[in-house]
């Protein structure tokens, strides 16, 4: 894999301070010990980039990288303060989700560094907040001893199929594997997720980093508004074509 080709193919936006890419699934952003990753590929070609945030190797979509440490600090602080507005698209191998949902479940790290809900699965309670909305949570008394991290994910259903559901997902907190773990533990795993879907029916994980908005004081507009459209492989789940008009679906999702 050659960095100039990958860079040109995936570039969404670039200025003197940042480079935004639409990453394919299967490529790591950084820190890959036994394989290549974006930061290492760039460095080997003479370009130094600093990841502003990370998405999993199996996740496709928007990745923002800084070209200098000043911009990197300005941008990463917004993620740390939870002022970065980010949205993902996910396809669950399930049906029955409400139109709107909130998953308010703490996370912990267990054996083999695996992220999990910090409470027994049977204590997760669903509360219907109306005919089209629900919240999943656990009582404080049911949270397991040890370090845990409050975590909140919000979603809107944008397409219902016979066996799949397409969601627009906002991770309000940005924990590792948060969206994947939250959806799986409420019984709606992401199609093709190697952590939770062992069916072998999907050639990729159907999670995509879609939209991101950040303050960017060095730009005339003083903000970065980035959108990474999913590739055609995202819209085919196994043998099921999810939609024949992705643009219309994304327009509805953006409005929602």
Protein backbone atom coordinates (compact mmCIF):
# COMPACT_ATOMS: atom_id res chain seq x y z
CA UNK A 1 0.00 0.00 0.00
CA UNK A 2 1.48 3.34 -1.07
CA UNK A 3 0.76 6.49 0.92
CA UNK A 4 0.47 8.94 -2.02
CA UNK A 5 -2.19 6.75 -3.65
CA UNK A 6 -4.12 6.19 -0.41
CA UNK A 7 -3.91 9.89 0.45
CA UNK A 8 -5.22 11.02 -2.91
CA UNK A 9 -8.01 8.43 -2.99
CA UNK A 10 -9.27 9.11 0.54
CA UNK A 11 -8.72 12.87 0.91
CA UNK A 12 -11.87 14.80 1.86
CA UNK A 13 -10.47 18.18 2.85
CA UNK A 14 -7.09 19.73 3.51
CA UNK A 15 -5.59 23.03 4.56
CA UNK A 16 -2.31 24.14 6.11
CA UNK A 17 -3.28 22.67 9.49
CA UNK A 18 -5.35 19.52 8.85
CA UNK A 19 -5.92 16.58 6.55
CA UNK A 20 -9.31 14.82 6.61
CA UNK A 21 -9.60 11.35 5.08
CA UNK A 22 -12.44 8.97 4.30
CA UNK A 23 -10.73 5.81 5.56
CA UNK A 24 -11.65 2.39 4.17
CA UNK A 25 -12.53 -0.37 6.62
CA UNK A 26 -9.54 -2.60 7.40
CA UNK A 27 -6.85 0.08 7.83
CA UNK A 28 -5.74 1.32 11.25
CA UNK A 29 -5.24 4.99 12.04
CA UNK A 30 -2.21 4.54 14.32
CA UNK A 31 -0.60 2.24 16.86
CA UNK A 32 -0.75 -0.95 14.82
CA UNK A 33 2.08 -3.16 16.06
CA UNK A 34 1.92 -5.93 13.46
CA UNK A 35 0.52 -4.13 10.44
CA UNK A 36 0.71 -0.81 8.63
CA UNK A 37 -1.38 2.19 9.66
CA UNK A 38 -2.10 5.63 8.25
CA UNK A 39 0.30 7.55 10.49
CA UNK A 40 3.16 5.11 9.82
CA UNK A 41 2.53 5.05 6.07
CA UNK A 42 2.65 8.84 5.97
CA UNK A 43 5.79 8.97 8.11
CA UNK A 44 7.58 6.45 5.91
CA UNK A 45 6.81 8.73 2.95
CA UNK A 46 8.16 11.80 4.77
CA UNK A 47 4.90 13.33 6.05
CA UNK A 48 4.27 13.78 9.78
CA UNK A 49 0.62 13.64 10.85
CA UNK A 50 -0.95 13.72 14.33
CA UNK A 51 -4.28 11.89 14.77
CA UNK A 52 -6.91 14.16 16.33
CA UNK A 53 -9.13 11.17 17.13
CA UNK A 54 -9.21 7.48 16.35
CA UNK A 55 -11.68 5.10 14.82
CA UNK A 56 -11.35 1.33 14.94
CA UNK A 57 -9.57 -0.55 12.18
CA UNK A 58 -12.84 -2.25 11.20
CA UNK A 59 -14.68 1.10 11.03
CA UNK A 60 -14.70 3.11 7.82
CA UNK A 61 -15.09 6.83 7.36
CA UNK A 62 -13.95 10.20 8.57
CA UNK A 63 -10.53 10.53 10.18
CA UNK A 64 -9.07 13.93 11.06
CA UNK A 65 -5.30 14.40 11.28
CA UNK A 66 -3.35 17.51 12.22
CA UNK A 67 -0.22 18.65 10.43
CA UNK A 68 1.24 20.52 13.41
CA UNK A 69 1.04 20.31 17.19
CA UNK A 70 -0.71 23.66 17.61
CA UNK A 71 -3.72 22.57 15.55
CA UNK A 72 -3.58 19.14 17.16
CA UNK A 73 -3.90 20.65 20.63
CA UNK A 74 -6.76 22.95 19.63
CA UNK A 75 -8.73 20.07 18.12
CA UNK A 76 -8.05 17.30 20.63
CA UNK A 77 -9.13 19.56 23.50
CA UNK A 78 -12.59 19.69 21.93
CA UNK A 79 -12.83 15.90 21.97
CA UNK A 80 -11.64 15.85 25.59
CA UNK A 81 -14.23 18.47 26.57
CA UNK A 82 -16.95 16.67 24.55
CA UNK A 83 -17.67 19.74 22.43
CA UNK A 84 -16.84 17.94 19.17
CA UNK A 85 -20.08 17.10 17.38
CA UNK A 86 -19.68 13.69 15.77
CA UNK A 87 -22.08 11.25 14.14
CA UNK A 88 -21.71 7.70 12.84
CA UNK A 89 -23.83 5.42 10.69
CA UNK A 90 -24.40 1.85 11.83
CA UNK A 91 -26.27 -1.13 10.44
CA UNK A 92 -27.56 -3.57 13.03
CA UNK A 93 -28.29 -7.20 12.19
CA UNK A 94 -31.66 -6.82 13.92
CA UNK A 95 -35.01 -5.06 13.93
CA UNK A 96 -37.26 -3.62 16.62
CA UNK A 97 -35.33 -0.54 17.66
CA UNK A 98 -37.34 2.63 18.43
CA UNK A 99 -37.17 5.77 16.34
CA UNK A 100 -34.97 7.43 18.97
CA UNK A 101 -32.87 5.86 21.68
CA UNK A 102 -30.43 6.67 24.46
CA UNK A 103 -27.98 4.06 25.76
CA UNK A 104 -26.69 5.29 29.11
CA UNK A 105 -24.51 2.40 30.26
CA UNK A 106 -21.10 2.62 31.99
CA UNK A 107 -18.17 0.80 30.40
CA UNK A 108 -15.27 -1.06 31.98
CA UNK A 109 -12.24 -2.94 30.71
CA UNK A 110 -12.15 -6.64 31.55
CA UNK A 111 -9.90 -9.58 30.81
CA UNK A 112 -7.72 -9.42 27.69
CA UNK A 113 -8.38 -5.66 27.58
CA UNK A 114 -11.95 -6.21 26.39
CA UNK A 115 -14.45 -3.39 26.80
CA UNK A 116 -17.76 -4.40 28.38
CA UNK A 117 -20.72 -2.93 30.21
CA UNK A 118 -19.83 -2.44 33.89
CA UNK A 119 -22.90 -4.33 35.10
CA UNK A 120 -24.48 -7.78 34.60
CA UNK A 121 -26.36 -7.99 31.32
CA UNK A 122 -29.58 -9.01 33.07
CA UNK A 123 -29.64 -5.73 35.04
CA UNK A 124 -29.87 -3.56 31.91
CA UNK A 125 -33.34 -2.00 31.90
CA UNK A 126 -35.21 -0.44 28.98
CA UNK A 127 -37.57 2.43 29.77
CA UNK A 128 -39.93 3.56 27.02
CA UNK A 129 -40.04 7.34 27.01
CA UNK A 130 -43.00 7.46 24.62
CA UNK A 131 -44.27 5.58 21.59
CA UNK A 132 -41.06 6.13 19.62
CA UNK A 133 -38.28 6.60 22.18
CA UNK A 134 -36.46 4.47 24.76
CA UNK A 135 -33.57 4.65 27.21
CA UNK A 136 -31.34 1.78 28.37
CA UNK A 137 -29.62 2.12 31.75
CA UNK A 138 -28.59 0.27 34.90
CA UNK A 139 -29.23 1.17 38.52
CA UNK A 140 -26.25 2.46 40.45
CA UNK A 141 -26.46 -0.52 42.84
CA UNK A 142 -25.93 -2.92 39.93
CA UNK A 143 -22.68 -1.36 38.69
CA UNK A 144 -19.80 -3.77 39.32
CA UNK A 145 -16.93 -2.87 41.60
CA UNK A 146 -13.84 -1.46 39.97
CA UNK A 147 -13.08 1.39 37.60
CA UNK A 148 -15.86 2.26 35.19
CA UNK A 149 -16.53 5.05 32.73
CA UNK A 150 -19.93 6.75 32.35
CA UNK A 151 -20.88 6.43 28.67
CA UNK A 152 -23.80 7.72 26.65
CA UNK A 153 -24.83 6.96 23.06
CA UNK A 154 -27.82 8.47 21.27
CA UNK A 155 -29.31 7.14 18.04
CA UNK A 156 -32.01 7.83 15.47
CA UNK A 157 -33.41 5.14 13.19
CA UNK A 158 -33.16 6.19 9.55
CA UNK A 159 -34.11 2.97 7.74
CA UNK A 160 -35.94 -0.22 8.71
CA UNK A 161 -35.46 -3.38 6.66
CA UNK A 162 -36.72 -6.92 7.00
CA UNK A 163 -33.59 -8.03 8.86
CA UNK A 164 -31.51 -4.86 9.34
CA UNK A 165 -31.80 -1.36 10.79
CA UNK A 166 -29.75 1.67 9.73
CA UNK A 167 -28.99 4.12 12.54
CA UNK A 168 -27.48 7.59 12.82
CA UNK A 169 -25.49 7.37 16.06
CA UNK A 170 -24.01 10.13 18.24
CA UNK A 171 -21.48 8.98 20.87
CA UNK A 172 -21.82 11.74 23.46
CA UNK A 173 -18.82 10.30 25.28
CA UNK A 174 -15.97 8.91 23.20
CA UNK A 175 -14.94 5.65 24.85
CA UNK A 176 -13.10 2.89 23.01
CA UNK A 177 -15.55 0.55 21.21
CA UNK A 178 -18.43 2.50 22.77
CA UNK A 179 -20.96 2.28 19.94
CA UNK A 180 -20.14 -1.36 19.24
CA UNK A 181 -20.44 -2.46 22.87
CA UNK A 182 -23.54 -0.38 23.63
CA UNK A 183 -25.53 -1.71 20.68
CA UNK A 184 -24.43 -5.31 21.23
CA UNK A 185 -25.31 -5.33 24.93
CA UNK A 186 -28.86 -4.12 24.31
CA UNK A 187 -29.30 -6.96 21.82
CA UNK A 188 -28.66 -5.14 18.53
CA UNK A 189 -25.08 -5.89 17.41
CA UNK A 190 -23.59 -4.14 14.39
CA UNK A 191 -23.62 -6.35 11.31
CA UNK A 192 -20.20 -7.88 10.73
CA UNK A 193 -18.67 -6.72 14.02
CA UNK A 194 -15.91 -9.26 14.83
CA UNK A 195 -16.39 -8.64 18.55
CA UNK A 196 -20.04 -9.66 18.62
CA UNK A 197 -21.17 -11.11 15.27
CA UNK A 198 -19.81 -14.59 14.58
CA UNK A 199 -22.22 -15.36 11.73
CA UNK A 200 -19.66 -14.86 8.97
CA UNK A 201 -22.45 -13.37 6.85
CA UNK A 202 -20.82 -9.95 6.38
CA UNK A 203 -17.49 -9.18 4.69
CA UNK A 204 -17.08 -5.94 6.65
CA UNK A 205 -18.21 -4.22 9.85
CA UNK A 206 -21.08 -1.86 9.09
CA UNK A 207 -19.96 1.09 11.20
CA UNK A 208 -18.99 4.34 9.48
CA UNK A 209 -17.63 7.65 10.85
CA UNK A 210 -19.91 10.01 8.96
CA UNK A 211 -19.95 13.63 10.18
CA UNK A 212 -17.79 15.86 12.37
CA UNK A 213 -17.99 19.51 13.41
CA UNK A 214 -15.22 21.29 15.33
CA UNK A 215 -14.14 24.85 16.04
CA UNK A 216 -11.18 25.82 13.84
CA UNK A 217 -10.03 29.36 14.71
CA UNK A 218 -7.44 29.47 11.93
CA UNK A 219 -10.12 29.20 9.20
CA UNK A 220 -12.22 32.08 7.84
CA UNK A 221 -15.39 30.26 8.89
CA UNK A 222 -13.84 29.46 12.33
CA UNK A 223 -15.12 25.90 12.08
CA UNK A 224 -14.59 22.56 10.41
CA UNK A 225 -17.69 20.83 9.06
CA UNK A 226 -16.71 17.49 7.55
CA UNK A 227 -18.82 14.78 5.92
CA UNK A 228 -17.57 11.39 4.69
CA UNK A 229 -20.11 9.53 2.54
CA UNK A 230 -20.01 5.73 2.95
CA UNK A 231 -18.80 3.65 0.05
CA UNK A 232 -21.03 1.21 -1.85
CA UNK A 233 -19.90 -1.72 0.33
CA UNK A 234 -21.57 -0.11 3.36
CA UNK A 235 -24.98 -0.28 1.70
CA UNK A 236 -24.86 -4.03 1.05
CA UNK A 237 -25.21 -6.07 4.26
CA UNK A 238 -24.34 -9.64 3.36
CA UNK A 239 -26.59 -10.30 0.37
CA UNK A 240 -29.08 -7.53 1.23
CA UNK A 241 -29.06 -4.24 -0.62
CA UNK A 242 -30.16 -1.78 2.06
CA UNK A 243 -31.17 1.11 -0.20
CA UNK A 244 -31.12 2.05 -3.87
CA UNK A 245 -30.83 5.75 -3.04
CA UNK A 246 -28.12 6.35 -0.42
CA UNK A 247 -28.08 10.09 -1.06
CA UNK A 248 -31.77 10.47 -0.18
CA UNK A 249 -31.33 8.36 2.93
CA UNK A 250 -28.34 10.40 4.07
CA UNK A 251 -30.26 13.63 3.50
CA UNK A 252 -33.04 12.35 5.76
CA UNK A 253 -30.50 11.21 8.35
CA UNK A 254 -28.78 14.60 8.35
CA UNK A 255 -32.12 16.33 8.86
CA UNK A 256 -32.98 13.97 11.72
